[in-house]
PDB file of N, CA and C in Angstrom:
ATOM      1  N   MET A   1     194.864 -64.537-102.706  1.00  0.00           N
ATOM      2  CA  MET A   1     193.765 -64.912-101.655  1.00  0.00           C
ATOM      3  C   MET A   1     192.432 -64.475-102.730  1.00  0.00           C
ATOM      4  N   ALA A   2     191.471 -65.398-102.549  1.00  0.00           N
ATOM      5  CA  ALA A   2     190.257 -65.065-103.251  1.00  0.00           C
ATOM      6  C   ALA A   2     189.701 -63.820-102.660  1.00  0.00           C
ATOM      7  N   PHE A   3     189.025 -62.827-103.775  1.00  0.00           N
ATOM      8  CA  PHE A   3     188.547 -61.588-103.312  1.00  0.00           C
ATOM      9  C   PHE A   3     187.356 -61.801-102.635  1.00  0.00           C
ATOM     10  N   THR A   4     186.412 -62.843-102.879  1.00  0.00           N
ATOM     11  CA  THR A   4     185.295 -63.055-102.256  1.00  0.00           C
ATOM     12  C   THR A   4     184.712 -64.551-102.665  1.00  0.00           C
ATOM     13  N   LEU A   5     183.666 -64.792-102.009  1.00  0.00           N
ATOM     14  CA  LEU A   5     183.093 -66.118-102.134  1.00  0.00           C
ATOM     15  C   LEU A   5     181.659 -65.889-102.394  1.00  0.00           C
ATOM     16  N   VAL A   6     181.198 -66.488-103.821  1.00  0.00           N
ATOM     17  CA  VAL A   6     179.868 -66.358-104.145  1.00  0.00           C
ATOM     18  C   VAL A   6     179.180 -67.869-104.027  1.00  0.00           C
ATOM     19  N   THR A   7     177.990 -67.745-103.316  1.00  0.00           N
ATOM     20  CA  THR A   7     177.225 -68.852-103.221  1.00  0.00           C
ATOM     21  C   THR A   7     176.273 -69.154-104.439  1.00  0.00           C
ATOM     22  N   PHE A   8     176.229 -70.149-105.072  1.00  0.00           N
ATOM     23  CA  PHE A   8     175.407 -70.305-106.263  1.00  0.00           C
ATOM     24  C   PHE A   8     174.431 -71.577-105.935  1.00  0.00           C
ATOM     25  N   ARG A   9     173.308 -71.058-106.565  1.00  0.00           N
ATOM     26  CA  ARG A   9     172.179 -72.174-106.476  1.00  0.00           C
ATOM     27  C   ARG A   9     171.587 -72.589-107.836  1.00  0.00           C
ATOM     28  N   ASN A  10     171.387 -73.900-108.084  1.00  0.00           N
ATOM     29  CA  ASN A  10     170.783 -74.193-109.334  1.00  0.00           C
ATOM     30  C   ASN A  10     169.222 -74.051-109.076  1.00  0.00           C
ATOM     31  N   PRO A  11     168.510 -73.206-109.917  1.00  0.00           N
ATOM     32  CA  PRO A  11     167.191 -73.097-109.446  1.00  0.00           C
ATOM     33  C   PRO A  11     166.245 -74.313-109.772  1.00  0.00           C
ATOM     34  N   ASP A  12     166.778 -75.176-110.803  1.00  0.00           N
ATOM     35  CA  ASP A  12     166.100 -76.186-111.196  1.00  0.00           C
ATOM     36  C   ASP A  12     166.352 -77.463-110.041  1.00  0.00           C
ATOM     37  N   THR A  13     167.452 -77.712-109.720  1.00  0.00           N
ATOM     38  CA  THR A  13     167.764 -79.018-108.766  1.00  0.00           C
ATOM     39  C   THR A  13     168.077 -78.423-107.338  1.00  0.00           C
ATOM     40  N   GLY A  14     168.201 -77.339-107.076  1.00  0.00           N
ATOM     41  CA  GLY A  14     168.457 -76.793-105.787  1.00  0.00           C
ATOM     42  C   GLY A  14     169.904 -76.891-105.249  1.00  0.00           C
ATOM     43  N   VAL A  15     170.648 -77.463-106.066  1.00  0.00           N
ATOM     44  CA  VAL A  15     172.129 -77.707-105.506  1.00  0.00           C
ATOM     45  C   VAL A  15     173.044 -76.434-105.265  1.00  0.00           C
ATOM     46  N   LEU A  16     173.613 -76.451-104.324  1.00  0.00           N
ATOM     47  CA  LEU A  16     174.429 -75.209-103.951  1.00  0.00           C
ATOM     48  C   LEU A  16     175.827 -75.480-104.186  1.00  0.00           C
ATOM     49  N   LYS A  17     176.512 -74.546-104.740  1.00  0.00           N
ATOM     50  CA  LYS A  17     177.987 -74.531-104.676  1.00  0.00           C
ATOM     51  C   LYS A  17     178.619 -73.336-104.649  1.00  0.00           C
ATOM     52  N   LYS A  18     179.843 -73.424-104.040  1.00  0.00           N
ATOM     53  CA  LYS A  18     180.498 -71.852-103.607  1.00  0.00           C
ATOM     54  C   LYS A  18     181.594 -71.885-104.621  1.00  0.00           C
ATOM     55  N   ALA A  19     181.793 -70.594-104.980  1.00  0.00           N
ATOM     56  CA  ALA A  19     182.751 -70.267-106.129  1.00  0.00           C
ATOM     57  C   ALA A  19     183.535 -68.887-105.452  1.00  0.00           C
ATOM     58  N   PRO A  20     184.766 -69.410-105.183  1.00  0.00           N
ATOM     59  CA  PRO A  20     185.708 -68.244-104.894  1.00  0.00           C
ATOM     60  C   PRO A  20     185.961 -67.344-106.074  1.00  0.00           C
ATOM     61  N   ILE A  21     186.202 -66.112-105.837  1.00  0.00           N
ATOM     62  CA  ILE A  21     186.399 -65.222-107.068  1.00  0.00           C
ATOM     63  C   ILE A  21     187.701 -64.548-106.537  1.00  0.00           C
ATOM     64  N   GLY A  22     188.943 -64.583-107.356  1.00  0.00           N
ATOM     65  CA  GLY A  22     190.049 -64.243-107.370  1.00  0.00           C
ATOM     66  C   GLY A  22     190.996 -65.302-107.570  1.00  0.00           C
ATOM     67  N   PHE A  23     192.385 -64.870-106.875  1.00  0.00           N
ATOM     68  CA  PHE A  23     193.429 -65.837-106.834  1.00  0.00           C
ATOM     69  C   PHE A  23     193.123 -67.255-106.137  1.00  0.00           C
ATOM     70  N   SER A  24     193.587 -68.291-106.756  1.00  0.00           N
ATOM     71  CA  SER A  24     193.179 -69.716-106.234  1.00  0.00           C
ATOM     72  C   SER A  24     194.498 -70.278-105.503  1.00  0.00           C
ATOM     73  N   TRP A  25     194.529 -70.366-104.154  1.00  0.00           N
ATOM     74  CA  TRP A  25     195.365 -70.976-103.453  1.00  0.00           C
ATOM     75  C   TRP A  25     195.341 -72.258-103.696  1.00  0.00           C
ATOM     76  N   SER A  26     194.162 -72.935-103.432  1.00  0.00           N
ATOM     77  CA  SER A  26     193.952 -74.285-103.810  1.00  0.00           C
ATOM     78  C   SER A  26     194.697 -74.917-105.014  1.00  0.00           C
ATOM     79  N   VAL A  27     194.764 -74.220-106.240  1.00  0.00           N
ATOM     80  CA  VAL A  27     195.298 -74.677-107.462  1.00  0.00           C
ATOM     81  C   VAL A  27     196.723 -74.489-107.034  1.00  0.00           C
ATOM     82  N   PHE A  28     197.241 -73.347-106.581  1.00  0.00           N
ATOM     83  CA  PHE A  28     198.773 -73.263-106.252  1.00  0.00           C
ATOM     84  C   PHE A  28     199.119 -74.158-105.569  1.00  0.00           C
ATOM     85  N   VAL A  29     198.688 -74.623-104.356  1.00  0.00           N
ATOM     86  CA  VAL A  29     199.177 -75.773-103.623  1.00  0.00           C
ATOM     87  C   VAL A  29     198.873 -76.988-103.927  1.00  0.00           C
ATOM     88  N   PHE A  30     197.595 -77.329-104.586  1.00  0.00           N
ATOM     89  CA  PHE A  30     197.229 -78.882-104.937  1.00  0.00           C
ATOM     90  C   PHE A  30     197.003 -79.154-106.381  1.00  0.00           C
ATOM     91  N   GLY A  31     197.245 -78.148-107.237  1.00  0.00           N
ATOM     92  CA  GLY A  31     197.113 -78.401-108.571  1.00  0.00           C
ATOM     93  C   GLY A  31     195.803 -78.892-109.138  1.00  0.00           C
ATOM     94  N   PHE A  32     195.866 -79.963-110.002  1.00  0.00           N
ATOM     95  CA  PHE A  32     194.716 -80.664-110.504  1.00  0.00           C
ATOM     96  C   PHE A  32     193.710 -81.183-109.428  1.00  0.00           C
ATOM     97  N   ILE A  33     194.231 -81.198-108.290  1.00  0.00           N
ATOM     98  CA  ILE A  33     193.354 -81.968-107.312  1.00  0.00           C
ATOM     99  C   ILE A  33     192.197 -80.973-106.834  1.00  0.00           C
ATOM    100  N   ALA A  34     192.557 -79.732-106.735  1.00  0.00           N
ATOM    101  CA  ALA A  34     191.402 -78.678-106.345  1.00  0.00           C
ATOM    102  C   ALA A  34     190.169 -78.843-107.077  1.00  0.00           C
ATOM    103  N   PRO A  35     190.137 -78.821-108.577  1.00  0.00           N
ATOM    104  CA  PRO A  35     189.038 -79.053-109.104  1.00  0.00           C
ATOM    105  C   PRO A  35     188.187 -80.337-108.716  1.00  0.00           C
ATOM    106  N   LEU A  36     189.010 -81.492-108.334  1.00  0.00           N
ATOM    107  CA  LEU A  36     188.252 -82.723-108.166  1.00  0.00           C
ATOM    108  C   LEU A  36     187.623 -82.652-106.872  1.00  0.00           C
ATOM    109  N   PHE A  37     187.983 -81.872-105.909  1.00  0.00           N
ATOM    110  CA  PHE A  37     187.177 -81.656-104.601  1.00  0.00           C
ATOM    111  C   PHE A  37     186.075 -80.946-104.922  1.00  0.00           C
ATOM    112  N   ARG A  38     185.909 -80.043-105.978  1.00  0.00           N
ATOM    113  CA  ARG A  38     184.852 -79.269-106.274  1.00  0.00           C
ATOM    114  C   ARG A  38     183.855 -79.896-107.401  1.00  0.00           C
ATOM    115  N   GLY A  39     184.327 -81.135-107.831  1.00  0.00           N
ATOM    116  CA  GLY A  39     183.454 -81.882-108.575  1.00  0.00           C
ATOM    117  C   GLY A  39     183.530 -81.387-109.941  1.00  0.00           C
ATOM    118  N   ASP A  40     184.653 -80.605-110.270  1.00  0.00           N
ATOM    119  CA  ASP A  40     184.817 -79.797-111.534  1.00  0.00           C
ATOM    120  C   ASP A  40     185.709 -80.993-112.536  1.00  0.00           C
ATOM    121  N   ILE A  41     185.258 -82.142-113.037  1.00  0.00           N
ATOM    122  CA  ILE A  41     185.849 -83.071-113.715  1.00  0.00           C
ATOM    123  C   ILE A  41     186.562 -82.645-114.856  1.00  0.00           C
ATOM    124  N   LYS A  42     185.911 -81.746-115.790  1.00  0.00           N
ATOM    125  CA  LYS A  42     186.477 -81.152-116.934  1.00  0.00           C
ATOM    126  C   LYS A  42     187.797 -80.435-116.699  1.00  0.00           C
ATOM    127  N   TRP A  43     187.813 -79.540-115.816  1.00  0.00           N
ATOM    128  CA  TRP A  43     189.018 -78.882-115.574  1.00  0.00           C
ATOM    129  C   TRP A  43     190.257 -79.744-114.837  1.00  0.00           C
ATOM    130  N   ALA A  44     189.818 -80.546-113.837  1.00  0.00           N
ATOM    131  CA  ALA A  44     190.751 -81.555-113.411  1.00  0.00           C
ATOM    132  C   ALA A  44     191.569 -82.133-114.509  1.00  0.00           C
ATOM    133  N   VAL A  45     190.718 -82.870-115.416  1.00  0.00           N
ATOM    134  CA  VAL A  45     191.474 -83.452-116.525  1.00  0.00           C
ATOM    135  C   VAL A  45     192.232 -82.664-117.417  1.00  0.00           C
ATOM    136  N   ILE A  46     191.783 -81.338-117.603  1.00  0.00           N
ATOM    137  CA  ILE A  46     192.606 -80.510-118.513  1.00  0.00           C
ATOM    138  C   ILE A  46     193.899 -80.024-117.863  1.00  0.00           C
ATOM    139  N   MET A  47     193.736 -79.874-116.375  1.00  0.00           N
ATOM    140  CA  MET A  47     194.893 -79.300-115.671  1.00  0.00           C
ATOM    141  C   MET A  47     195.773 -80.774-115.355  1.00  0.00           C
ATOM    142  N   PHE A  48     195.516 -81.698-115.355  1.00  0.00           N
ATOM    143  CA  PHE A  48     196.394 -82.929-115.100  1.00  0.00           C
ATOM    144  C   PHE A  48     197.210 -83.148-116.480  1.00  0.00           C
ATOM    145  N   ILE A  49     196.631 -82.834-117.673  1.00  0.00           N
ATOM    146  CA  ILE A  49     197.146 -83.217-118.882  1.00  0.00           C
ATOM    147  C   ILE A  49     198.208 -82.049-119.045  1.00  0.00           C
ATOM    148  N   LEU A  50     197.847 -80.875-118.789  1.00  0.00           N
ATOM    149  CA  LEU A  50     198.898 -79.767-118.946  1.00  0.00           C
ATOM    150  C   LEU A  50     200.002 -79.918-117.884  1.00  0.00           C
ATOM    151  N   ALA A  51     199.645 -80.242-116.776  1.00  0.00           N
ATOM    152  CA  ALA A  51     200.642 -80.494-115.701  1.00  0.00           C
ATOM    153  C   ALA A  51     201.681 -81.575-116.099  1.00  0.00           C
ATOM    154  N   CYS A  52     201.035 -82.637-116.756  1.00  0.00           N
ATOM    155  CA  CYS A  52     201.948 -83.709-117.140  1.00  0.00           C
ATOM    156  C   CYS A  52     202.973 -83.202-118.243  1.00  0.00           C
ATOM    157  N   PHE A  53     202.663 -82.230-119.208  1.00  0.00           N
ATOM    158  CA  PHE A  53     203.289 -81.858-120.228  1.00  0.00           C
ATOM    159  C   PHE A  53     204.427 -80.834-119.797  1.00  0.00           C
ATOM    160  N   THR A  54     203.855 -79.923-118.856  1.00  0.00           N
ATOM    161  CA  THR A  54     204.724 -79.007-118.438  1.00  0.00           C
ATOM    162  C   THR A  54     205.483 -78.960-116.952  1.00  0.00           C
ATOM    163  N   GLY A  55     205.428 -80.359-116.626  1.00  0.00           N
ATOM    164  CA  GLY A  55     206.026 -80.345-115.222  1.00  0.00           C
ATOM    165  C   GLY A  55     205.376 -79.620-114.052  1.00  0.00           C
ATOM    166  N   GLY A  56     204.094 -79.252-114.203  1.00  0.00           N
ATOM    167  CA  GLY A  56     203.314 -78.656-113.202  1.00  0.00           C
ATOM    168  C   GLY A  56     203.540 -76.888-113.476  1.00  0.00           C
ATOM    169  N   LEU A  57     204.259 -76.631-114.314  1.00  0.00           N
ATOM    170  CA  LEU A  57     204.518 -75.069-114.329  1.00  0.00           C
ATOM    171  C   LEU A  57     203.139 -74.424-114.907  1.00  0.00           C
ATOM    172  N   THR A  58     202.337 -75.086-115.429  1.00  0.00           N
ATOM    173  CA  THR A  58     200.978 -74.513-115.729  1.00  0.00           C
ATOM    174  C   THR A  58     200.066 -73.953-114.527  1.00  0.00           C
ATOM    175  N   ASN A  59     200.507 -74.545-113.468  1.00  0.00           N
ATOM    176  CA  ASN A  59     199.632 -74.081-112.221  1.00  0.00           C
ATOM    177  C   ASN A  59     200.021 -72.691-111.753  1.00  0.00           C
ATOM    178  N   LEU A  60     201.279 -72.110-112.306  1.00  0.00           N
ATOM    179  CA  LEU A  60     201.466 -70.883-112.278  1.00  0.00           C
ATOM    180  C   LEU A  60     200.758 -69.852-112.867  1.00  0.00           C
ATOM    181  N   VAL A  61     200.022 -70.513-113.898  1.00  0.00           N
ATOM    182  CA  VAL A  61     199.100 -69.465-114.632  1.00  0.00           C
ATOM    183  C   VAL A  61     197.746 -69.774-114.378  1.00  0.00           C
ATOM    184  N   LEU A  62     197.418 -71.096-114.179  1.00  0.00           N
ATOM    185  CA  LEU A  62     196.052 -71.709-113.804  1.00  0.00           C
ATOM    186  C   LEU A  62     195.514 -70.898-112.410  1.00  0.00           C
ATOM    187  N   MET A  63     196.531 -70.705-111.415  1.00  0.00           N
ATOM    188  CA  MET A  63     195.992 -70.283-110.077  1.00  0.00           C
ATOM    189  C   MET A  63     195.668 -68.827-110.265  1.00  0.00           C
ATOM    190  N   PHE A  64     195.846 -67.990-111.145  1.00  0.00           N
ATOM    191  CA  PHE A  64     195.259 -66.839-111.517  1.00  0.00           C
ATOM    192  C   PHE A  64     193.878 -66.848-112.118  1.00  0.00           C
ATOM    193  N   THR A  65     193.523 -67.899-112.947  1.00  0.00           N
ATOM    194  CA  THR A  65     192.503 -67.967-113.785  1.00  0.00           C
ATOM    195  C   THR A  65     191.326 -68.955-113.366  1.00  0.00           C
ATOM    196  N   TYR A  66     191.807 -69.943-112.848  1.00  0.00           N
ATOM    197  CA  TYR A  66     190.892 -71.230-112.636  1.00  0.00           C
ATOM    198  C   TYR A  66     189.526 -70.620-111.730  1.00  0.00           C
ATOM    199  N   ASN A  67     189.710 -69.886-110.741  1.00  0.00           N
ATOM    200  CA  ASN A  67     188.306 -69.305-109.996  1.00  0.00           C
ATOM    201  C   ASN A  67     187.389 -68.679-110.984  1.00  0.00           C
ATOM    202  N   ARG A  68     187.904 -67.960-111.835  1.00  0.00           N
ATOM    203  CA  ARG A  68     187.003 -67.192-112.813  1.00  0.00           C
ATOM    204  C   ARG A  68     186.429 -68.057-113.742  1.00  0.00           C
ATOM    205  N   TRP A  69     187.173 -69.209-114.254  1.00  0.00           N
ATOM    206  CA  TRP A  69     186.738 -70.183-115.250  1.00  0.00           C
ATOM    207  C   TRP A  69     185.472 -70.948-114.443  1.00  0.00           C
ATOM    208  N   TYR A  70     185.799 -71.384-113.177  1.00  0.00           N
ATOM    209  CA  TYR A  70     184.858 -72.112-112.434  1.00  0.00           C
ATOM    210  C   TYR A  70     183.457 -71.499-112.264  1.00  0.00           C
ATOM    211  N   ALA A  71     183.657 -70.283-111.867  1.00  0.00           N
ATOM    212  CA  ALA A  71     182.353 -69.404-111.881  1.00  0.00           C
ATOM    213  C   ALA A  71     181.648 -69.255-112.937  1.00  0.00           C
ATOM    214  N   CYS A  72     182.317 -68.997-114.313  1.00  0.00           N
ATOM    215  CA  CYS A  72     181.726 -68.965-115.416  1.00  0.00           C
ATOM    216  C   CYS A  72     181.012 -70.302-115.767  1.00  0.00           C
ATOM    217  N   ASP A  73     181.746 -71.423-115.540  1.00  0.00           N
ATOM    218  CA  ASP A  73     181.215 -72.687-115.931  1.00  0.00           C
ATOM    219  C   ASP A  73     179.864 -72.786-115.096  1.00  0.00           C
ATOM    220  N   LEU A  74     179.920 -72.505-113.704  1.00  0.00           N
ATOM    221  CA  LEU A  74     178.681 -72.640-113.009  1.00  0.00           C
ATOM    222  C   LEU A  74     177.448 -71.623-113.655  1.00  0.00           C
ATOM    223  N   ILE A  75     177.858 -70.382-113.907  1.00  0.00           N
ATOM    224  CA  ILE A  75     176.678 -69.674-114.691  1.00  0.00           C
ATOM    225  C   ILE A  75     176.210 -70.141-116.012  1.00  0.00           C
ATOM    226  N   ASP A  76     177.139 -70.799-116.703  1.00  0.00           N
ATOM    227  CA  ASP A  76     176.848 -71.319-118.047  1.00  0.00           C
ATOM    228  C   ASP A  76     176.045 -72.608-117.783  1.00  0.00           C
ATOM    229  N   ALA A  77     176.063 -73.267-116.578  1.00  0.00           N
ATOM    230  CA  ALA A  77     175.188 -74.543-116.337  1.00  0.00           C
ATOM    231  C   ALA A  77     174.016 -74.008-115.888  1.00  0.00           C
ATOM    232  N   GLY A  78     173.586 -72.697-115.657  1.00  0.00           N
ATOM    233  CA  GLY A  78     172.154 -72.385-115.257  1.00  0.00           C
ATOM    234  C   GLY A  78     172.172 -71.988-113.806  1.00  0.00           C
ATOM    235  N   TYR A  79     173.332 -71.853-113.029  1.00  0.00           N
ATOM    236  CA  TYR A  79     173.504 -71.658-111.631  1.00  0.00           C
ATOM    237  C   TYR A  79     173.272 -70.189-111.436  1.00  0.00           C
ATOM    238  N   GLN A  80     172.669 -69.541-110.211  1.00  0.00           N
ATOM    239  CA  GLN A  80     172.384 -68.264-110.134  1.00  0.00           C
ATOM    240  C   GLN A  80     173.002 -67.976-108.663  1.00  0.00           C
ATOM    241  N   ALA A  81     173.512 -66.724-108.418  1.00  0.00           N
ATOM    242  CA  ALA A  81     174.070 -66.327-107.185  1.00  0.00           C
ATOM    243  C   ALA A  81     172.979 -66.147-106.223  1.00  0.00           C
ATOM    244  N   LEU A  82     173.200 -66.728-104.906  1.00  0.00           N
ATOM    245  CA  LEU A  82     172.469 -66.396-103.769  1.00  0.00           C
ATOM    246  C   LEU A  82     173.011 -65.434-102.914  1.00  0.00           C
ATOM    247  N   SER A  83     174.041 -65.675-102.581  1.00  0.00           N
ATOM    248  CA  SER A  83     174.817 -64.623-101.685  1.00  0.00           C
ATOM    249  C   SER A  83     176.348 -64.405-102.008  1.00  0.00           C
ATOM    250  N   ILE A  84     176.764 -63.422-101.410  1.00  0.00           N
ATOM    251  CA  ILE A  84     178.234 -62.940-101.725  1.00  0.00           C
ATOM    252  C   ILE A  84     178.819 -62.647-100.221  1.00  0.00           C
ATOM    253  N   THR A  85     180.019 -63.109 -99.926  1.00  0.00           N
ATOM    254  CA  THR A  85     180.666 -62.885 -98.564  1.00  0.00           C
ATOM    255  C   THR A  85     180.980 -61.449 -98.339  1.00  0.00           C
ATOM    256  N   LYS A  86     181.576 -60.978 -99.117  1.00  0.00           N
ATOM    257  CA  LYS A  86     182.239 -59.607 -99.048  1.00  0.00           C
ATOM    258  C   LYS A  86     182.238 -58.857-100.234  1.00  0.00           C
ATOM    259  N   GLY A  87     182.457 -57.572-100.400  1.00  0.00           N
ATOM    260  CA  GLY A  87     182.298 -56.688-101.580  1.00  0.00           C
ATOM    261  C   GLY A  87     181.023 -56.606-102.370  1.00  0.00           C
ATOM    262  N   ASP A  88     180.956 -56.178-103.471  1.00  0.00           N
ATOM    263  CA  ASP A  88     179.746 -56.003-103.953  1.00  0.00           C
ATOM    264  C   ASP A  88     179.661 -56.709-105.403  1.00  0.00           C
ATOM    265  N   TRP A  89     178.270 -56.840-105.960  1.00  0.00           N
ATOM    266  CA  TRP A  89     178.150 -57.626-107.072  1.00  0.00           C
ATOM    267  C   TRP A  89     178.925 -57.143-108.251  1.00  0.00           C
ATOM    268  N   SER A  90     178.954 -55.837-108.352  1.00  0.00           N
ATOM    269  CA  SER A  90     179.647 -55.334-109.630  1.00  0.00           C
ATOM    270  C   SER A  90     181.074 -55.496-109.692  1.00  0.00           C
ATOM    271  N   THR A  91     181.722 -55.485-108.580  1.00  0.00           N
ATOM    272  CA  THR A  91     183.277 -55.811-108.463  1.00  0.00           C
ATOM    273  C   THR A  91     183.299 -57.171-108.926  1.00  0.00           C
ATOM    274  N   ALA A  92     182.717 -58.013-108.152  1.00  0.00           N
ATOM    275  CA  ALA A  92     182.809 -59.601-108.299  1.00  0.00           C
ATOM    276  C   ALA A  92     182.583 -59.817-109.981  1.00  0.00           C
ATOM    277  N   SER A  93     181.269 -59.255-110.451  1.00  0.00           N
ATOM    278  CA  SER A  93     181.295 -59.463-111.865  1.00  0.00           C
ATOM    279  C   SER A  93     182.420 -58.959-112.695  1.00  0.00           C
ATOM    280  N   LYS A  94     182.901 -58.057-112.530  1.00  0.00           N
ATOM    281  CA  LYS A  94     184.145 -57.359-113.346  1.00  0.00           C
ATOM    282  C   LYS A  94     185.064 -58.220-113.227  1.00  0.00           C
ATOM    283  N   LYS A  95     185.382 -59.129-112.000  1.00  0.00           N
ATOM    284  CA  LYS A  95     186.634 -59.823-111.546  1.00  0.00           C
ATOM    285  C   LYS A  95     186.385 -61.160-112.591  1.00  0.00           C
ATOM    286  N   ILE A  96     185.366 -61.738-112.896  1.00  0.00           N
ATOM    287  CA  ILE A  96     184.995 -62.777-113.743  1.00  0.00           C
ATOM    288  C   ILE A  96     184.581 -62.480-115.040  1.00  0.00           C
ATOM    289  N   GLY A  97     184.514 -61.197-115.429  1.00  0.00           N
ATOM    290  CA  GLY A  97     184.211 -60.719-116.958  1.00  0.00           C
ATOM    291  C   GLY A  97     182.994 -61.002-117.439  1.00  0.00           C
ATOM    292  N   MET A  98     181.889 -61.229-116.603  1.00  0.00           N
ATOM    293  CA  MET A  98     180.450 -61.422-117.132  1.00  0.00           C
ATOM    294  C   MET A  98     179.782 -61.021-115.921  1.00  0.00           C
ATOM    295  N   GLU A  99     178.510 -60.550-116.125  1.00  0.00           N
ATOM    296  CA  GLU A  99     177.435 -60.269-115.167  1.00  0.00           C
ATOM    297  C   GLU A  99     177.038 -61.546-114.460  1.00  0.00           C
ATOM    298  N   ILE A 100     176.927 -61.495-113.086  1.00  0.00           N
ATOM    299  CA  ILE A 100     176.748 -62.837-112.196  1.00  0.00           C
ATOM    300  C   ILE A 100     175.149 -62.682-112.048  1.00  0.00           C
ATOM    301  N   PRO A 101     174.365 -63.680-112.584  1.00  0.00           N
ATOM    302  CA  PRO A 101     172.952 -63.540-112.626  1.00  0.00           C
ATOM    303  C   PRO A 101     172.505 -64.006-110.990  1.00  0.00           C
ATOM    304  N   ARG A 102     171.537 -63.228-110.522  1.00  0.00           N
ATOM    305  CA  ARG A 102     171.317 -63.434-109.112  1.00  0.00           C
ATOM    306  C   ARG A 102     169.779 -63.942-108.942  1.00  0.00           C
ATOM    307  N   LEU A 103     169.683 -64.831-108.011  1.00  0.00           N
ATOM    308  CA  LEU A 103     168.275 -65.280-107.785  1.00  0.00           C
ATOM    309  C   LEU A 103     167.335 -64.178-107.118  1.00  0.00           C
ATOM    310  N   GLU A 104     166.117 -64.280-107.348  1.00  0.00           N
ATOM    311  CA  GLU A 104     165.232 -63.176-106.740  1.00  0.00           C
ATOM    312  C   GLU A 104     165.520 -63.018-105.543  1.00  0.00           C
ATOM    313  N   GLY A 105     165.567 -61.675-104.910  1.00  0.00           N
ATOM    314  CA  GLY A 105     165.928 -61.345-103.676  1.00  0.00           C
ATOM    315  C   GLY A 105     167.429 -61.624-102.981  1.00  0.00           C
ATOM    316  N   ALA A 106     168.233 -61.939-104.015  1.00  0.00           N
ATOM    317  CA  ALA A 106     169.860 -62.045-103.465  1.00  0.00           C
ATOM    318  C   ALA A 106     170.278 -60.701-103.766  1.00  0.00           C
TER     319      ALA A 106
END
Protein backbone atom coordinates (compact mmCIF):
# COMPACT_ATOMS: atom_id res chain seq x y z
CA MET A 1 0.00 0.00 0.00
CA ALA A 2 1.22 3.48 -0.77
CA PHE A 3 2.88 5.19 2.17
CA THR A 4 1.34 8.57 1.41
CA LEU A 5 -0.11 10.69 -1.37
CA VAL A 6 1.59 13.89 -2.52
CA THR A 7 -0.28 16.47 -4.56
CA PHE A 8 1.97 18.21 -7.07
CA ARG A 9 1.27 21.43 -8.97
CA ASN A 10 3.03 22.78 -12.00
CA PRO A 11 3.78 26.43 -11.14
CA ASP A 12 3.73 27.45 -14.82
CA THR A 13 0.47 25.80 -15.93
CA GLY A 14 -1.34 25.23 -12.63
CA VAL A 15 -1.97 21.55 -13.48
CA LEU A 16 -2.44 19.34 -10.39
CA LYS A 17 -1.29 15.71 -10.25
CA LYS A 18 -1.40 13.26 -7.36
CA ALA A 19 1.49 10.87 -6.85
CA PRO A 20 1.31 8.01 -4.37
CA ILE A 21 4.58 7.25 -2.62
CA GLY A 22 5.31 3.60 -1.86
CA PHE A 23 3.97 0.26 -3.13
CA SER A 24 1.73 0.46 -6.23
CA TRP A 25 -1.34 -1.74 -5.97
CA SER A 26 -2.59 -0.34 -9.25
CA VAL A 27 0.46 -1.65 -11.12
CA PHE A 28 0.15 -4.98 -9.31
CA VAL A 29 -3.47 -5.38 -10.41
CA PHE A 30 -3.64 -3.54 -13.75
CA GLY A 31 -0.03 -3.55 -15.00
CA PHE A 32 0.71 -1.07 -17.78
CA ILE A 33 -2.86 0.29 -17.69
CA ALA A 34 -2.17 2.12 -14.41
CA PRO A 35 0.26 4.62 -15.99
CA LEU A 36 -2.23 5.20 -18.81
CA PHE A 37 -4.83 6.43 -16.30
CA ARG A 38 -2.24 8.83 -14.88
CA GLY A 39 -1.37 10.12 -18.34
CA ASP A 40 2.15 8.68 -18.06
CA ILE A 41 2.52 7.42 -21.63
CA LYS A 42 6.29 6.86 -21.39
CA TRP A 43 6.04 4.32 -18.57
CA ALA A 44 2.91 2.74 -20.01
CA VAL A 45 4.77 1.94 -23.23
CA ILE A 46 7.87 0.70 -21.36
CA MET A 47 5.78 -1.49 -19.08
CA PHE A 48 3.76 -2.88 -21.99
CA ILE A 49 6.90 -3.86 -23.91
CA LEU A 50 8.45 -5.45 -20.81
CA ALA A 51 5.21 -7.31 -20.07
CA CYS A 52 5.12 -8.68 -23.62
CA PHE A 53 8.63 -10.08 -23.30
CA THR A 54 8.23 -11.48 -19.78
CA GLY A 55 4.60 -12.53 -19.74
CA GLY A 56 3.75 -9.87 -17.15
CA LEU A 57 6.37 -10.97 -14.62
CA THR A 58 8.00 -7.54 -14.65
CA ASN A 59 4.95 -6.22 -12.79
CA LEU A 60 6.28 -8.06 -9.73
CA VAL A 61 9.26 -5.70 -9.77
CA LEU A 62 7.60 -2.57 -11.12
CA MET A 63 4.90 -2.52 -8.43
CA PHE A 64 7.66 -1.65 -5.94
CA THR A 65 9.34 1.02 -8.09
CA TYR A 66 6.77 2.67 -10.37
CA ASN A 67 5.37 5.22 -7.87
CA ARG A 68 8.90 6.44 -7.10
CA TRP A 69 9.67 6.84 -10.81
CA TYR A 70 6.39 8.65 -11.41
CA ALA A 71 7.04 11.14 -8.61
CA CYS A 72 10.60 11.72 -9.81
CA ASP A 73 9.36 12.32 -13.37
CA LEU A 74 6.89 14.91 -12.09
CA ILE A 75 9.64 16.68 -10.16
CA ASP A 76 11.93 16.60 -13.21
CA ALA A 77 9.09 18.14 -15.26
CA GLY A 78 8.99 21.11 -12.86
CA TYR A 79 6.11 20.10 -10.59
CA GLN A 80 6.31 21.16 -6.96
CA ALA A 81 4.55 19.62 -3.97
CA LEU A 82 1.44 21.35 -2.74
CA SER A 83 0.36 18.97 0.04
CA ILE A 84 0.95 15.57 1.60
CA THR A 85 -1.81 13.37 3.05
CA LYS A 86 0.08 11.73 5.92
CA GLY A 87 3.61 11.40 7.18
CA ASP A 88 6.24 14.07 6.80
CA TRP A 89 8.17 15.54 3.91
CA SER A 90 11.54 14.09 4.89
CA THR A 91 10.26 10.50 5.03
CA ALA A 92 8.50 10.88 1.66
CA SER A 93 11.68 12.38 0.17
CA LYS A 94 13.72 9.43 1.44
CA LYS A 95 11.26 6.97 -0.10
CA ILE A 96 11.66 8.46 -3.58
CA GLY A 97 15.39 9.10 -3.19
CA MET A 98 15.38 12.84 -3.77
CA GLU A 99 14.25 16.03 -2.07
CA ILE A 100 10.64 16.93 -2.89
CA PRO A 101 10.47 20.60 -3.93
CA ARG A 102 7.56 22.39 -2.30
CA LEU A 103 5.56 25.41 -3.35
CA GLU A 104 5.79 28.44 -1.12
CA GLY A 105 3.62 27.91 1.95
CA ALA A 106 3.29 24.13 1.46
